[in-house]
Amino acid sequence: MPYGDEWWTPGGQIVSFFHGTLQFADLFQQHNESRKLFPNLFYLLMAAVTGRWDVKDPMVLLFVMMCELVRRLRPDMRS
């Protein structure tokens, strides 16, 4: 479940995206004293792919990406 200001950014942006009213300038809305374009695009991409907004989707994707990164970077331990 989203908490705090996640209801507005990216929540409001994703709702606007699904209603077809999202404008490019909306992606630059202020969030925690910064304007995060790439995380906003990431959330929109995840919502477009899955058809829903679930805060667990980016967490799972990040976990899978980090596992793959560790697998590729660690030396082969089979002797």
Protein backbone atom coordinates (compact mmCIF):
# COMPACT_ATOMS: atom_id res chain seq x y z
CA MET A 1 0.00 0.00 0.00
CA PRO A 2 1.37 3.44 -0.86
CA TYR A 3 2.22 5.65 2.07
CA GLY A 4 2.71 9.37 2.60
CA ASP A 5 3.16 11.38 -0.55
CA GLU A 6 3.23 8.32 -2.85
CA TRP A 7 -0.51 8.87 -3.22
CA TRP A 8 0.19 12.07 -5.19
CA THR A 9 3.44 11.25 -6.97
CA PRO A 10 3.41 8.78 -8.72
CA GLY A 11 -0.16 7.87 -7.75
CA GLY A 12 -1.81 10.89 -9.32
CA GLN A 13 0.32 10.57 -12.42
CA ILE A 14 -0.64 6.93 -12.92
CA VAL A 15 -4.33 7.73 -12.50
CA SER A 16 -3.96 10.52 -15.08
CA PHE A 17 -2.13 8.08 -17.37
CA PHE A 18 -4.96 5.54 -17.24
CA HIS A 19 -7.55 8.30 -17.80
CA GLY A 20 -5.58 9.63 -20.76
CA THR A 21 -5.05 13.09 -19.25
CA LEU A 22 -1.36 12.84 -18.35
CA GLN A 23 0.80 15.57 -19.82
CA PHE A 24 4.58 15.53 -20.13
CA ALA A 25 4.90 18.45 -17.69
CA ASP A 26 3.16 16.32 -15.03
CA LEU A 27 6.20 14.02 -14.96
CA PHE A 28 8.24 16.90 -13.50
CA GLN A 29 6.03 17.41 -10.45
CA GLN A 30 7.90 18.07 -7.25
CA HIS A 31 8.33 15.08 -4.96
CA ASN A 32 10.30 15.31 -1.70
CA GLU A 33 12.07 18.51 -2.72
CA SER A 34 13.13 17.16 -6.10
CA ARG A 35 11.73 16.50 -9.54
CA LYS A 36 12.31 12.86 -10.47
CA LEU A 37 11.69 12.30 -14.17
CA PHE A 38 13.22 8.83 -14.57
CA PRO A 39 11.57 7.21 -11.51
CA ASN A 40 8.25 8.66 -12.69
CA LEU A 41 8.78 7.15 -16.14
CA PHE A 42 9.71 3.83 -14.50
CA TYR A 43 6.49 3.79 -12.46
CA LEU A 44 4.43 4.62 -15.55
CA LEU A 45 6.14 1.87 -17.54
CA MET A 46 5.46 -0.65 -14.76
CA ALA A 47 1.81 0.42 -14.60
CA ALA A 48 1.46 0.21 -18.38
CA VAL A 49 3.02 -3.27 -18.53
CA THR A 50 1.10 -4.76 -15.61
CA GLY A 51 -2.11 -2.78 -16.09
CA ARG A 52 -2.21 -1.82 -12.43
CA TRP A 53 -0.37 0.21 -9.82
CA ASP A 54 1.11 -1.96 -7.12
CA VAL A 55 4.05 -0.70 -5.10
CA LYS A 56 5.36 -4.28 -4.84
CA ASP A 57 5.97 -4.57 -8.60
CA PRO A 58 9.00 -2.23 -8.65
CA MET A 59 10.36 -3.91 -5.50
CA VAL A 60 10.19 -7.34 -7.11
CA LEU A 61 11.74 -6.08 -10.35
CA LEU A 62 14.58 -4.38 -8.46
CA PHE A 63 15.21 -7.57 -6.45
CA VAL A 64 15.37 -9.67 -9.64
CA MET A 65 17.69 -7.14 -11.30
CA MET A 66 20.04 -7.10 -8.30
CA CYS A 67 20.11 -10.91 -8.13
CA GLU A 68 21.07 -11.02 -11.80
CA LEU A 69 23.74 -8.36 -11.29
CA VAL A 70 25.27 -10.27 -8.38
CA ARG A 71 25.15 -13.50 -10.39
CA ARG A 72 27.00 -11.87 -13.28
CA LEU A 73 29.59 -10.03 -11.20
CA ARG A 74 30.56 -12.67 -8.68
CA PRO A 75 33.44 -14.93 -9.65
CA ASP A 76 32.62 -18.47 -10.56
CA MET A 77 32.84 -20.41 -7.31
CA ARG A 78 32.85 -23.85 -8.92
CA SER A 79 36.36 -25.24 -8.67
